Protein backbone atom coordinates (compact mmCIF):
# COMPACT_ATOMS: atom_id res chain seq x y z
CA MET A 1 -0.04 -14.56 -11.50
CA LYS A 2 1.20 -11.27 -10.05
CA PRO A 3 -0.16 -10.16 -6.67
CA VAL A 4 -2.63 -7.30 -6.35
CA VAL A 5 -2.35 -4.63 -3.66
CA THR A 6 -5.63 -3.48 -2.12
CA ILE A 7 -5.89 -0.17 -0.31
CA GLU A 8 -9.07 -0.02 1.77
CA TYR A 9 -9.78 3.57 2.81
CA CYS A 10 -12.50 5.48 4.65
CA PRO A 11 -14.40 7.63 2.13
CA ARG A 12 -16.10 9.61 4.91
CA CYS A 13 -12.67 10.67 6.19
CA GLY A 14 -11.69 11.97 2.74
CA TRP A 15 -8.80 9.55 2.28
CA LEU A 16 -9.41 8.70 -1.40
CA LEU A 17 -6.70 11.08 -2.65
CA ARG A 18 -4.17 9.66 -0.19
CA ALA A 19 -5.03 6.13 -1.36
CA ALA A 20 -4.78 7.17 -5.02
CA TYR A 21 -1.37 8.77 -4.42
CA MET A 22 -0.07 5.63 -2.72
CA ALA A 23 -1.48 3.46 -5.52
CA GLN A 24 0.32 5.59 -8.12
CA GLU A 25 3.60 5.33 -6.22
CA LEU A 26 3.30 1.56 -5.92
CA LEU A 27 2.39 1.08 -9.58
CA THR A 28 5.34 3.24 -10.63
CA THR A 29 7.83 1.44 -8.37
CA PHE A 30 6.57 -2.12 -8.91
CA THR A 31 5.65 -2.01 -12.61
CA ASP A 32 6.87 -5.56 -13.27
CA ASP A 33 5.93 -7.04 -9.89
CA LEU A 34 2.26 -6.17 -9.36
CA GLY A 35 -0.90 -7.25 -11.12
CA GLY A 36 -2.50 -3.97 -10.07
CA VAL A 37 -3.66 -1.85 -7.18
CA THR A 38 -7.29 -1.81 -6.12
CA LEU A 39 -8.85 1.05 -4.16
CA ARG A 40 -11.70 -0.16 -1.98
CA PRO A 41 -13.95 2.19 0.00
CA SER A 42 -14.43 0.84 3.50
CA GLU A 43 -17.71 0.53 5.32
CA THR A 44 -15.78 0.92 8.59
CA GLY A 45 -15.11 4.49 9.67
CA GLY A 46 -11.45 5.43 10.00
CA ALA A 47 -10.19 2.37 8.14
CA TYR A 48 -7.00 2.53 6.10
CA ILE A 49 -5.75 -0.99 5.47
CA ILE A 50 -3.20 -2.08 2.88
CA MET A 51 -3.07 -5.70 1.73
CA VAL A 52 -0.94 -7.69 -0.68
CA ALA A 53 -3.16 -10.50 -1.94
CA ASP A 54 -5.00 -11.42 1.28
CA THR A 55 -2.19 -10.49 3.67
CA VAL A 56 -2.57 -7.27 5.67
CA ILE A 57 0.75 -5.43 5.59
CA PHE A 58 -0.43 -2.17 7.18
CA ASP A 59 -3.41 -1.11 9.29
CA ARG A 60 -3.65 2.56 10.27
CA LYS A 61 -5.71 1.79 13.38
CA GLU A 62 -3.09 -0.66 14.68
CA ALA A 63 -0.13 1.56 13.79
CA GLY A 64 -1.76 4.79 14.98
CA HIS A 65 -0.64 6.65 11.85
CA PHE A 66 -0.51 6.46 8.07
CA PRO A 67 2.50 4.76 6.48
CA GLU A 68 5.23 6.88 5.00
CA ILE A 69 5.56 6.04 1.30
CA LYS A 70 9.13 4.84 1.87
CA VAL A 71 7.98 2.35 4.51
CA LEU A 72 5.02 1.24 2.40
CA LYS A 73 7.29 0.50 -0.55
CA GLN A 74 9.55 -1.57 1.71
CA LEU A 75 6.57 -3.54 3.06
CA VAL A 76 5.26 -4.24 -0.45
CA ARG A 77 8.72 -5.13 -1.73
CA ASP A 78 9.20 -7.63 1.10
CA GLN A 79 6.03 -9.41 -0.08
CA VAL A 80 6.35 -9.26 -3.88
CA ASN A 81 10.08 -9.11 -4.70
CA PRO A 82 12.38 -9.31 -1.63
CA GLY A 83 15.55 -8.96 -3.73
CA LYS A 84 14.46 -5.70 -5.38
CA SER A 85 16.50 -2.60 -4.61
CA LEU A 86 14.45 0.49 -3.83
CA GLY A 87 17.38 2.85 -4.25
CA HIS A 88 17.08 5.83 -1.92
CA SER A 89 13.98 4.30 -0.27
CA ASP A 90 16.20 1.57 1.19
CA ARG A 91 18.39 3.99 3.09
CA PRO A 92 17.56 4.40 6.79
């Protein structure tokens, strides 16, 4: 069974579009590796947490910023398909 990415976002902060953009990027990049991406409105203000299965791979409150899409793709890749090349997203 393929893993599902969950993006938990704060609806009061207006972060739905950011979450939808990141979901679209992940679904496009990991077409064969993911079972889907779920967008989950958070009941906690300011939350923006990204999980693969039940493992938190990014928490905006801990990091102090949102993830760049390049970094997010690398974090997801490391969980779902470590051998996958991300092309230009792998370059430092």
